[in-house]
Amino acid sequence: MLATHRPRFPEPGDIIFLTMVVLVHPRSITGIEIENGEISLIKWQISTSENGNLKTVRVLLEGPIALEDYRIEN
């Protein structure tokens, strides 16, 4: 698998490479969450509420997908 700087998941059945890297962009932070045997690709970003206040919002980009659907190698 070639490295990419675009957040994406491999196809189920492919080898999944997990790193402890969080992508920090000027307006958001992208990372992974692993919970209850499932993995999700998420983004935290700043948003404006209806009354004009700023708030932090969690955006689900992909998943959740069961980790058992991937081949995991050390």
C-alpha atoms as a PDB file:
ATOM      1  CA  MET A   1       0.000   0.000   0.000  1.00  0.00           C
ATOM      2  CA  LEU A   2       1.314   3.417  -0.856  1.00  0.00           C
ATOM      3  CA  ALA A   3       1.264   6.106   1.774  1.00  0.00           C
ATOM      4  CA  THR A   4      -1.316   8.811   1.284  1.00  0.00           C
ATOM      5  CA  HIS A   5      -1.914  12.130   2.953  1.00  0.00           C
ATOM      6  CA  ARG A   6      -5.639  11.836   2.327  1.00  0.00           C
ATOM      7  CA  PRO A   7      -7.702  10.303   5.116  1.00  0.00           C
ATOM      8  CA  ARG A   8      -9.211   7.051   3.840  1.00  0.00           C
ATOM      9  CA  PHE A   9      -9.811   3.439   4.820  1.00  0.00           C
ATOM     10  CA  PRO A  10      -8.453   0.440   2.914  1.00  0.00           C
ATOM     11  CA  GLU A  11     -10.945  -2.001   1.463  1.00  0.00           C
ATOM     12  CA  PRO A  12     -12.138  -4.799   3.795  1.00  0.00           C
ATOM     13  CA  GLY A  13      -9.795  -7.779   3.446  1.00  0.00           C
ATOM     14  CA  ASP A  14      -6.780  -5.535   2.753  1.00  0.00           C
ATOM     15  CA  ILE A  15      -3.955  -5.117   5.230  1.00  0.00           C
ATOM     16  CA  ILE A  16      -4.610  -2.170   7.515  1.00  0.00           C
ATOM     17  CA  PHE A  17      -1.681  -0.077   8.725  1.00  0.00           C
ATOM     18  CA  LEU A  18      -2.413   1.894  11.871  1.00  0.00           C
ATOM     19  CA  THR A  19      -0.125   4.634  13.098  1.00  0.00           C
ATOM     20  CA  MET A  20      -0.441   6.914  16.063  1.00  0.00           C
ATOM     21  CA  VAL A  21      -0.468   9.976  13.846  1.00  0.00           C
ATOM     22  CA  VAL A  22      -3.141  12.621  14.065  1.00  0.00           C
ATOM     23  CA  LEU A  23      -3.414  14.936  11.064  1.00  0.00           C
ATOM     24  CA  VAL A  24      -3.648  18.554  12.127  1.00  0.00           C
ATOM     25  CA  HIS A  25      -4.918  21.037   9.561  1.00  0.00           C
ATOM     26  CA  PRO A  26      -5.552  24.759   9.998  1.00  0.00           C
ATOM     27  CA  ARG A  27      -9.292  24.167  10.516  1.00  0.00           C
ATOM     28  CA  SER A  28      -9.538  20.553  11.705  1.00  0.00           C
ATOM     29  CA  ILE A  29      -7.910  17.503  13.293  1.00  0.00           C
ATOM     30  CA  THR A  30      -8.336  14.083  11.648  1.00  0.00           C
ATOM     31  CA  GLY A  31      -7.795  10.797  13.468  1.00  0.00           C
ATOM     32  CA  ILE A  32      -9.094   7.300  14.119  1.00  0.00           C
ATOM     33  CA  GLU A  33     -11.238   5.973  16.930  1.00  0.00           C
ATOM     34  CA  ILE A  34     -11.242   2.304  17.914  1.00  0.00           C
ATOM     35  CA  GLU A  35     -14.101   1.236  20.135  1.00  0.00           C
ATOM     36  CA  ASN A  36     -15.820  -2.112  20.735  1.00  0.00           C
ATOM     37  CA  GLY A  37     -13.806  -3.823  17.989  1.00  0.00           C
ATOM     38  CA  GLU A  38     -14.719  -1.221  15.358  1.00  0.00           C
ATOM     39  CA  ILE A  39     -12.662   1.504  13.728  1.00  0.00           C
ATOM     40  CA  SER A  40     -13.871   4.894  12.513  1.00  0.00           C
ATOM     41  CA  LEU A  41     -12.178   7.754  10.698  1.00  0.00           C
ATOM     42  CA  ILE A  42     -13.204  11.026  12.329  1.00  0.00           C
ATOM     43  CA  LYS A  43     -12.552  14.732  12.074  1.00  0.00           C
ATOM     44  CA  TRP A  44     -12.897  17.411  14.752  1.00  0.00           C
ATOM     45  CA  GLN A  45     -13.563  20.887  13.395  1.00  0.00           C
ATOM     46  CA  ILE A  46     -14.725  24.308  14.510  1.00  0.00           C
ATOM     47  CA  SER A  47     -18.286  25.210  13.551  1.00  0.00           C
ATOM     48  CA  THR A  48     -20.615  28.098  14.267  1.00  0.00           C
ATOM     49  CA  SER A  49     -23.873  27.488  16.116  1.00  0.00           C
ATOM     50  CA  GLU A  50     -27.116  29.186  15.139  1.00  0.00           C
ATOM     51  CA  ASN A  51     -26.556  31.914  17.742  1.00  0.00           C
ATOM     52  CA  GLY A  52     -23.065  32.672  16.388  1.00  0.00           C
ATOM     53  CA  ASN A  53     -21.020  30.894  19.066  1.00  0.00           C
ATOM     54  CA  LEU A  54     -18.086  28.737  18.029  1.00  0.00           C
ATOM     55  CA  LYS A  55     -18.203  25.058  18.914  1.00  0.00           C
ATOM     56  CA  THR A  56     -16.136  21.935  18.263  1.00  0.00           C
ATOM     57  CA  VAL A  57     -17.923  19.315  16.167  1.00  0.00           C
ATOM     58  CA  ARG A  58     -17.071  15.625  15.627  1.00  0.00           C
ATOM     59  CA  VAL A  59     -17.602  14.562  12.010  1.00  0.00           C
ATOM     60  CA  LEU A  60     -17.677  10.856  11.068  1.00  0.00           C
ATOM     61  CA  LEU A  61     -15.780  10.479   7.776  1.00  0.00           C
ATOM     62  CA  GLU A  62     -15.856   6.671   7.424  1.00  0.00           C
ATOM     63  CA  GLY A  63     -16.953   3.700   9.464  1.00  0.00           C
ATOM     64  CA  PRO A  64     -17.448   2.267  11.874  1.00  0.00           C
ATOM     65  CA  ILE A  65     -16.058  -0.929  10.360  1.00  0.00           C
ATOM     66  CA  ALA A  66     -15.308  -4.127  12.305  1.00  0.00           C
ATOM     67  CA  LEU A  67     -11.559  -4.611  12.743  1.00  0.00           C
ATOM     68  CA  GLU A  68     -12.007  -8.324  12.026  1.00  0.00           C
ATOM     69  CA  ASP A  69     -12.827  -7.349   8.416  1.00  0.00           C
ATOM     70  CA  TYR A  70      -9.151  -6.410   7.917  1.00  0.00           C
ATOM     71  CA  ARG A  71      -5.887  -8.294   7.946  1.00  0.00           C
ATOM     72  CA  ILE A  72      -3.786  -6.744  10.705  1.00  0.00           C
ATOM     73  CA  GLU A  73      -0.015  -7.303  10.668  1.00  0.00           C
ATOM     74  CA  ASN A  74       2.580  -6.102  13.164  1.00  0.00           C
END
